[in-house]
C-alpha atoms as a PDB file:
ATOM      1  CA  UNK A   1       0.000   0.000   0.000  1.00  0.00           C
ATOM      2  CA  UNK A   2       3.017   2.331  -0.167  1.00  0.00           C
ATOM      3  CA  UNK A   3       4.822   4.001  -3.055  1.00  0.00           C
ATOM      4  CA  UNK A   4       7.961   2.002  -3.793  1.00  0.00           C
ATOM      5  CA  UNK A   5      10.284   4.759  -2.599  1.00  0.00           C
ATOM      6  CA  UNK A   6       8.615   4.672   0.840  1.00  0.00           C
ATOM      7  CA  UNK A   7       9.227   0.969   1.449  1.00  0.00           C
ATOM      8  CA  UNK A   8      11.806  -0.201   3.943  1.00  0.00           C
ATOM      9  CA  UNK A   9      14.277  -1.495   1.373  1.00  0.00           C
ATOM     10  CA  UNK A  10      14.270   1.675  -0.708  1.00  0.00           C
ATOM     11  CA  UNK A  11      14.602   3.920   2.344  1.00  0.00           C
ATOM     12  CA  UNK A  12      17.543   1.840   3.542  1.00  0.00           C
ATOM     13  CA  UNK A  13      19.159   2.121   0.116  1.00  0.00           C
ATOM     14  CA  UNK A  14      18.813   5.911   0.221  1.00  0.00           C
ATOM     15  CA  UNK A  15      20.435   6.026   3.666  1.00  0.00           C
ATOM     16  CA  UNK A  16      23.490   3.892   2.972  1.00  0.00           C
ATOM     17  CA  UNK A  17      23.989   4.777  -0.687  1.00  0.00           C
ATOM     18  CA  UNK A  18      24.209   2.390  -3.576  1.00  0.00           C
ATOM     19  CA  UNK A  19      27.932   2.531  -4.322  1.00  0.00           C
ATOM     20  CA  UNK A  20      28.997  -0.108  -1.802  1.00  0.00           C
ATOM     21  CA  UNK A  21      25.819  -1.882  -0.726  1.00  0.00           C
ATOM     22  CA  UNK A  22      22.923  -3.368  -2.651  1.00  0.00           C
ATOM     23  CA  UNK A  23      19.669  -3.857  -0.741  1.00  0.00           C
ATOM     24  CA  UNK A  24      17.360  -6.647  -1.900  1.00  0.00           C
ATOM     25  CA  UNK A  25      13.894  -7.128  -0.436  1.00  0.00           C
ATOM     26  CA  UNK A  26      12.815 -10.769  -0.231  1.00  0.00           C
ATOM     27  CA  UNK A  27       9.782 -10.122   1.950  1.00  0.00           C
ATOM     28  CA  UNK A  28       6.620 -12.053   1.080  1.00  0.00           C
ATOM     29  CA  UNK A  29       3.212 -11.257   2.608  1.00  0.00           C
ATOM     30  CA  UNK A  30       1.989 -13.727   5.260  1.00  0.00           C
ATOM     31  CA  UNK A  31       5.205 -15.771   5.353  1.00  0.00           C
ATOM     32  CA  UNK A  32       6.210 -17.205   8.729  1.00  0.00           C
ATOM     33  CA  UNK A  33       9.802 -17.745   9.844  1.00  0.00           C
ATOM     34  CA  UNK A  34       9.993 -21.219   8.323  1.00  0.00           C
ATOM     35  CA  UNK A  35       8.763 -19.899   4.966  1.00  0.00           C
ATOM     36  CA  UNK A  36      11.242 -17.032   5.102  1.00  0.00           C
ATOM     37  CA  UNK A  37      14.273 -19.222   5.759  1.00  0.00           C
ATOM     38  CA  UNK A  38      13.189 -21.633   3.021  1.00  0.00           C
ATOM     39  CA  UNK A  39      12.719 -18.739   0.596  1.00  0.00           C
ATOM     40  CA  UNK A  40      16.154 -17.360   1.458  1.00  0.00           C
ATOM     41  CA  UNK A  41      17.743 -20.755   0.828  1.00  0.00           C
ATOM     42  CA  UNK A  42      15.915 -21.370  -2.449  1.00  0.00           C
ATOM     43  CA  UNK A  43      15.895 -17.855  -3.905  1.00  0.00           C
ATOM     44  CA  UNK A  44      18.164 -15.570  -1.915  1.00  0.00           C
ATOM     45  CA  UNK A  45      21.502 -17.340  -1.585  1.00  0.00           C
ATOM     46  CA  UNK A  46      22.266 -16.906  -5.278  1.00  0.00           C
ATOM     47  CA  UNK A  47      22.801 -13.205  -4.542  1.00  0.00           C
ATOM     48  CA  UNK A  48      25.635 -14.112  -2.125  1.00  0.00           C
ATOM     49  CA  UNK A  49      24.442 -11.879   0.724  1.00  0.00           C
ATOM     50  CA  UNK A  50      26.845 -10.404   3.255  1.00  0.00           C
ATOM     51  CA  UNK A  51      24.062  -9.610   5.713  1.00  0.00           C
ATOM     52  CA  UNK A  52      20.578 -11.051   6.067  1.00  0.00           C
ATOM     53  CA  UNK A  53      18.039  -8.968   7.984  1.00  0.00           C
ATOM     54  CA  UNK A  54      15.138 -11.009   9.328  1.00  0.00           C
ATOM     55  CA  UNK A  55      12.108  -8.904  10.213  1.00  0.00           C
ATOM     56  CA  UNK A  56      10.274 -10.713  13.014  1.00  0.00           C
ATOM     57  CA  UNK A  57       6.627  -9.980  13.843  1.00  0.00           C
ATOM     58  CA  UNK A  58       4.502 -11.824  16.448  1.00  0.00           C
ATOM     59  CA  UNK A  59       2.557 -13.605  13.709  1.00  0.00           C
ATOM     60  CA  UNK A  60       5.761 -15.213  12.388  1.00  0.00           C
ATOM     61  CA  UNK A  61       5.383 -18.119  14.817  1.00  0.00           C
ATOM     62  CA  UNK A  62       2.045 -18.944  13.189  1.00  0.00           C
ATOM     63  CA  UNK A  63       3.274 -22.198  11.679  1.00  0.00           C
ATOM     64  CA  UNK A  64       0.939 -25.105  10.870  1.00  0.00           C
ATOM     65  CA  UNK A  65       1.467 -28.073  13.171  1.00  0.00           C
ATOM     66  CA  UNK A  66      -0.561 -31.280  13.457  1.00  0.00           C
ATOM     67  CA  UNK A  67      -0.762 -32.943  16.851  1.00  0.00           C
ATOM     68  CA  UNK A  68      -2.577 -35.689  18.725  1.00  0.00           C
ATOM     69  CA  UNK A  69      -5.510 -33.270  18.758  1.00  0.00           C
ATOM     70  CA  UNK A  70      -5.847 -33.554  14.972  1.00  0.00           C
ATOM     71  CA  UNK A  71      -4.425 -32.111  11.765  1.00  0.00           C
ATOM     72  CA  UNK A  72      -2.922 -28.614  11.774  1.00  0.00           C
ATOM     73  CA  UNK A  73      -6.228 -26.793  11.224  1.00  0.00           C
ATOM     74  CA  UNK A  74      -8.076 -28.906  13.806  1.00  0.00           C
ATOM     75  CA  UNK A  75      -5.316 -28.450  16.361  1.00  0.00           C
ATOM     76  CA  UNK A  76      -5.414 -24.681  15.859  1.00  0.00           C
ATOM     77  CA  UNK A  77      -9.204 -24.584  16.270  1.00  0.00           C
ATOM     78  CA  UNK A  78      -9.269 -26.797  19.358  1.00  0.00           C
ATOM     79  CA  UNK A  79      -6.518 -24.815  21.100  1.00  0.00           C
ATOM     80  CA  UNK A  80      -8.220 -21.528  20.228  1.00  0.00           C
ATOM     81  CA  UNK A  81     -11.527 -22.778  21.663  1.00  0.00           C
ATOM     82  CA  UNK A  82      -9.770 -23.989  24.811  1.00  0.00           C
ATOM     83  CA  UNK A  83      -7.966 -20.733  25.523  1.00  0.00           C
ATOM     84  CA  UNK A  84     -11.138 -18.771  24.790  1.00  0.00           C
ATOM     85  CA  UNK A  85     -13.070 -20.938  27.257  1.00  0.00           C
ATOM     86  CA  UNK A  86     -15.397 -22.272  24.547  1.00  0.00           C
ATOM     87  CA  UNK A  87     -14.276 -25.904  24.390  1.00  0.00           C
ATOM     88  CA  UNK A  88     -16.815 -28.590  25.417  1.00  0.00           C
ATOM     89  CA  UNK A  89     -15.899 -30.752  28.399  1.00  0.00           C
ATOM     90  CA  UNK A  90     -14.571 -33.745  26.457  1.00  0.00           C
ATOM     91  CA  UNK A  91     -12.444 -31.554  24.206  1.00  0.00           C
ATOM     92  CA  UNK A  92     -11.204 -29.583  27.173  1.00  0.00           C
ATOM     93  CA  UNK A  93     -10.017 -32.789  28.844  1.00  0.00           C
ATOM     94  CA  UNK A  94      -8.097 -33.750  25.682  1.00  0.00           C
ATOM     95  CA  UNK A  95      -6.415 -30.348  25.550  1.00  0.00           C
ATOM     96  CA  UNK A  96      -5.448 -30.519  29.216  1.00  0.00           C
ATOM     97  CA  UNK A  97      -3.788 -33.890  28.643  1.00  0.00           C
ATOM     98  CA  UNK A  98      -1.978 -32.414  25.642  1.00  0.00           C
ATOM     99  CA  UNK A  99      -0.818 -29.375  27.630  1.00  0.00           C
ATOM    100  CA  UNK A 100       0.508 -31.553  30.431  1.00  0.00           C
ATOM    101  CA  UNK A 101       2.479 -33.553  27.862  1.00  0.00           C
ATOM    102  CA  UNK A 102       3.840 -30.245  26.537  1.00  0.00           C
ATOM    103  CA  UNK A 103       4.669 -29.237  30.146  1.00  0.00           C
ATOM    104  CA  UNK A 104       2.532 -26.145  29.833  1.00  0.00           C
ATOM    105  CA  UNK A 105       0.210 -24.550  32.429  1.00  0.00           C
ATOM    106  CA  UNK A 106      -3.498 -25.166  31.955  1.00  0.00           C
ATOM    107  CA  UNK A 107      -4.285 -21.532  32.757  1.00  0.00           C
ATOM    108  CA  UNK A 108      -1.286 -19.442  31.640  1.00  0.00           C
ATOM    109  CA  UNK A 109      -0.826 -15.951  33.037  1.00  0.00           C
ATOM    110  CA  UNK A 110      -0.888 -14.381  29.561  1.00  0.00           C
ATOM    111  CA  UNK A 111      -4.426 -15.608  28.870  1.00  0.00           C
ATOM    112  CA  UNK A 112      -6.286 -12.587  30.234  1.00  0.00           C
ATOM    113  CA  UNK A 113     -10.098 -12.649  29.873  1.00  0.00           C
ATOM    114  CA  UNK A 114     -10.155  -9.556  27.642  1.00  0.00           C
ATOM    115  CA  UNK A 115      -7.375 -10.737  25.326  1.00  0.00           C
ATOM    116  CA  UNK A 116      -8.470 -10.659  21.654  1.00  0.00           C
ATOM    117  CA  UNK A 117      -8.496 -13.980  19.803  1.00  0.00           C
ATOM    118  CA  UNK A 118      -5.624 -12.961  17.522  1.00  0.00           C
ATOM    119  CA  UNK A 119      -3.454 -12.100  20.500  1.00  0.00           C
ATOM    120  CA  UNK A 120      -4.169 -15.458  22.123  1.00  0.00           C
ATOM    121  CA  UNK A 121      -2.958 -17.093  18.949  1.00  0.00           C
ATOM    122  CA  UNK A 122       0.267 -15.115  19.057  1.00  0.00           C
ATOM    123  CA  UNK A 123       0.841 -16.230  22.614  1.00  0.00           C
ATOM    124  CA  UNK A 124       0.205 -19.942  22.342  1.00  0.00           C
ATOM    125  CA  UNK A 125       2.274 -20.151  19.170  1.00  0.00           C
ATOM    126  CA  UNK A 126       5.221 -18.719  21.104  1.00  0.00           C
ATOM    127  CA  UNK A 127       4.753 -20.772  24.274  1.00  0.00           C
ATOM    128  CA  UNK A 128       3.728 -24.245  23.089  1.00  0.00           C
ATOM    129  CA  UNK A 129       6.706 -26.373  21.997  1.00  0.00           C
ATOM    130  CA  UNK A 130       4.452 -27.801  19.272  1.00  0.00           C
ATOM    131  CA  UNK A 131       4.861 -24.501  17.412  1.00  0.00           C
ATOM    132  CA  UNK A 132       7.867 -22.782  18.924  1.00  0.00           C
ATOM    133  CA  UNK A 133      10.189 -25.749  18.340  1.00  0.00           C
ATOM    134  CA  UNK A 134       9.516 -25.408  14.595  1.00  0.00           C
ATOM    135  CA  UNK A 135      10.531 -21.754  14.721  1.00  0.00           C
ATOM    136  CA  UNK A 136      13.671 -22.702  16.653  1.00  0.00           C
ATOM    137  CA  UNK A 137      14.520 -25.341  14.058  1.00  0.00           C
ATOM    138  CA  UNK A 138      14.164 -22.748  11.274  1.00  0.00           C
ATOM    139  CA  UNK A 139      16.492 -20.403  13.170  1.00  0.00           C
ATOM    140  CA  UNK A 140      18.974 -23.253  13.630  1.00  0.00           C
ATOM    141  CA  UNK A 141      18.915 -23.734   9.886  1.00  0.00           C
ATOM    142  CA  UNK A 142      19.348 -20.004   9.264  1.00  0.00           C
ATOM    143  CA  UNK A 143      22.394 -19.959  11.546  1.00  0.00           C
ATOM    144  CA  UNK A 144      23.853 -22.971   9.712  1.00  0.00           C
ATOM    145  CA  UNK A 145      23.288 -21.279   6.348  1.00  0.00           C
ATOM    146  CA  UNK A 146      25.053 -18.185   7.638  1.00  0.00           C
ATOM    147  CA  UNK A 147      28.109 -20.196   8.657  1.00  0.00           C
ATOM    148  CA  UNK A 148      28.135 -22.133   5.392  1.00  0.00           C
ATOM    149  CA  UNK A 149      27.622 -19.150   3.099  1.00  0.00           C
ATOM    150  CA  UNK A 150      29.471 -16.541   5.182  1.00  0.00           C
ATOM    151  CA  UNK A 151      26.731 -14.034   5.916  1.00  0.00           C
ATOM    152  CA  UNK A 152      25.786 -12.348   9.169  1.00  0.00           C
ATOM    153  CA  UNK A 153      22.221 -12.249  10.496  1.00  0.00           C
ATOM    154  CA  UNK A 154      20.476  -9.333  12.139  1.00  0.00           C
ATOM    155  CA  UNK A 155      16.943  -9.730  13.473  1.00  0.00           C
ATOM    156  CA  UNK A 156      14.659  -6.730  13.840  1.00  0.00           C
ATOM    157  CA  UNK A 157      11.671  -7.381  16.113  1.00  0.00           C
ATOM    158  CA  UNK A 158       8.717  -5.491  14.678  1.00  0.00           C
ATOM    159  CA  UNK A 159       6.021  -4.941  17.339  1.00  0.00           C
ATOM    160  CA  UNK A 160       2.298  -5.284  16.776  1.00  0.00           C
ATOM    161  CA  UNK A 161       1.483  -1.693  15.837  1.00  0.00           C
ATOM    162  CA  UNK A 162      -2.289  -1.742  16.286  1.00  0.00           C
ATOM    163  CA  UNK A 163      -2.136  -2.571  20.004  1.00  0.00           C
ATOM    164  CA  UNK A 164      -1.971   0.659  22.057  1.00  0.00           C
ATOM    165  CA  UNK A 165       1.310   1.162  23.877  1.00  0.00           C
ATOM    166  CA  UNK A 166      -0.428   1.991  27.170  1.00  0.00           C
ATOM    167  CA  UNK A 167      -1.616  -1.606  27.585  1.00  0.00           C
ATOM    168  CA  UNK A 168       0.510  -3.512  25.122  1.00  0.00           C
ATOM    169  CA  UNK A 169       0.265  -7.291  25.791  1.00  0.00           C
ATOM    170  CA  UNK A 170       3.392  -8.521  24.028  1.00  0.00           C
ATOM    171  CA  UNK A 171       6.374  -7.072  25.885  1.00  0.00           C
ATOM    172  CA  UNK A 172       7.312 -10.456  27.488  1.00  0.00           C
ATOM    173  CA  UNK A 173       6.853 -12.088  24.079  1.00  0.00           C
ATOM    174  CA  UNK A 174       9.347  -9.680  22.504  1.00  0.00           C
ATOM    175  CA  UNK A 175      11.796 -10.478  25.311  1.00  0.00           C
ATOM    176  CA  UNK A 176      11.425 -14.206  24.606  1.00  0.00           C
ATOM    177  CA  UNK A 177      12.093 -13.651  20.910  1.00  0.00           C
ATOM    178  CA  UNK A 178      15.064 -11.398  21.722  1.00  0.00           C
ATOM    179  CA  UNK A 179      16.655 -14.079  23.921  1.00  0.00           C
ATOM    180  CA  UNK A 180      16.055 -16.789  21.323  1.00  0.00           C
ATOM    181  CA  UNK A 181      17.675 -14.743  18.568  1.00  0.00           C
ATOM    182  CA  UNK A 182      20.686 -13.951  20.728  1.00  0.00           C
ATOM    183  CA  UNK A 183      20.996 -17.637  21.601  1.00  0.00           C
ATOM    184  CA  UNK A 184      21.476 -18.266  17.891  1.00  0.00           C
ATOM    185  CA  UNK A 185      24.224 -15.648  17.737  1.00  0.00           C
ATOM    186  CA  UNK A 186      22.168 -13.111  15.774  1.00  0.00           C
ATOM    187  CA  UNK A 187      22.349  -9.373  16.336  1.00  0.00           C
ATOM    188  CA  UNK A 188      18.963  -8.101  17.522  1.00  0.00           C
ATOM    189  CA  UNK A 189      17.214  -4.769  17.068  1.00  0.00           C
ATOM    190  CA  UNK A 190      14.071  -4.598  19.223  1.00  0.00           C
ATOM    191  CA  UNK A 191      11.962  -1.836  17.682  1.00  0.00           C
ATOM    192  CA  UNK A 192       9.380  -1.782  20.485  1.00  0.00           C
ATOM    193  CA  UNK A 193      11.268   0.643  22.800  1.00  0.00           C
ATOM    194  CA  UNK A 194      11.760   3.027  19.864  1.00  0.00           C
ATOM    195  CA  UNK A 195       8.297   2.808  18.344  1.00  0.00           C
ATOM    196  CA  UNK A 196       6.462   3.247  21.628  1.00  0.00           C
ATOM    197  CA  UNK A 197       7.683   6.858  21.722  1.00  0.00           C
ATOM    198  CA  UNK A 198       5.354   7.648  18.819  1.00  0.00           C
ATOM    199  CA  UNK A 199       1.568   7.491  18.394  1.00  0.00           C
ATOM    200  CA  UNK A 200       0.409   4.166  16.969  1.00  0.00           C
ATOM    201  CA  UNK A 201      -1.530   5.927  14.217  1.00  0.00           C
ATOM    202  CA  UNK A 202       1.647   7.594  12.907  1.00  0.00           C
ATOM    203  CA  UNK A 203       3.319   4.208  12.498  1.00  0.00           C
ATOM    204  CA  UNK A 204       0.445   2.351  10.853  1.00  0.00           C
ATOM    205  CA  UNK A 205      -0.285   2.280   7.156  1.00  0.00           C
ATOM    206  CA  UNK A 206      -3.084   4.785   6.423  1.00  0.00           C
ATOM    207  CA  UNK A 207      -3.239   5.479  10.181  1.00  0.00           C
ATOM    208  CA  UNK A 208      -5.156   2.323  11.043  1.00  0.00           C
ATOM    209  CA  UNK A 209      -3.701  -0.684   9.172  1.00  0.00           C
ATOM    210  CA  UNK A 210      -1.207  -2.716  11.242  1.00  0.00           C
ATOM    211  CA  UNK A 211       1.440  -2.712   8.511  1.00  0.00           C
ATOM    212  CA  UNK A 212       4.217  -0.109   8.704  1.00  0.00           C
ATOM    213  CA  UNK A 213       3.681   3.369   7.312  1.00  0.00           C
ATOM    214  CA  UNK A 214       6.324   5.290   5.368  1.00  0.00           C
ATOM    215  CA  UNK A 215       7.110   7.115   8.616  1.00  0.00           C
ATOM    216  CA  UNK A 216       7.632   3.854  10.515  1.00  0.00           C
ATOM    217  CA  UNK A 217       9.881   2.555   7.755  1.00  0.00           C
END
């Protein structure tokens, strides 16, 4: 939704100049971390990058994962119903058995009653090993690619822009992501402390869409 010159890649190019560095944008809408690493390996390595910048948003842990609860879509639905308090008794018992096997609390502190459904999804994708282990495996692979192909990795954590800063629910989530990225040896830029200085509407596309505006970029 932005003119090309207002996108992140073009603004970065204008800042660093094109004589020494070439900036290539490999971003694809709705890709999760696994998709992004796969895309880099299949399409990006031919450009012999010196530095790979991974933009990480809370929805990037939204990876499909089947489980003993069912296929990926069924598992997602059942877990969503459970955390929203809508699961019938028999289904709830199945989820509780699953959570115990995953060594997860049955009533996690993050699951506040007024938490929107999308935010619940962000949280259980980052806390349940069913999902988070897949993200970790993708990061392991990214680190291995970096060693093999001699590029550095910087991760920029992009906060959820359409959640007001005054009661923003994801600060512990960003900290978890930060620690995981550092564990892999990646440089990390957490944009939350910077962005929270500015009104949400100034950072959002068209003032209301959760994607970054030209100003945020």
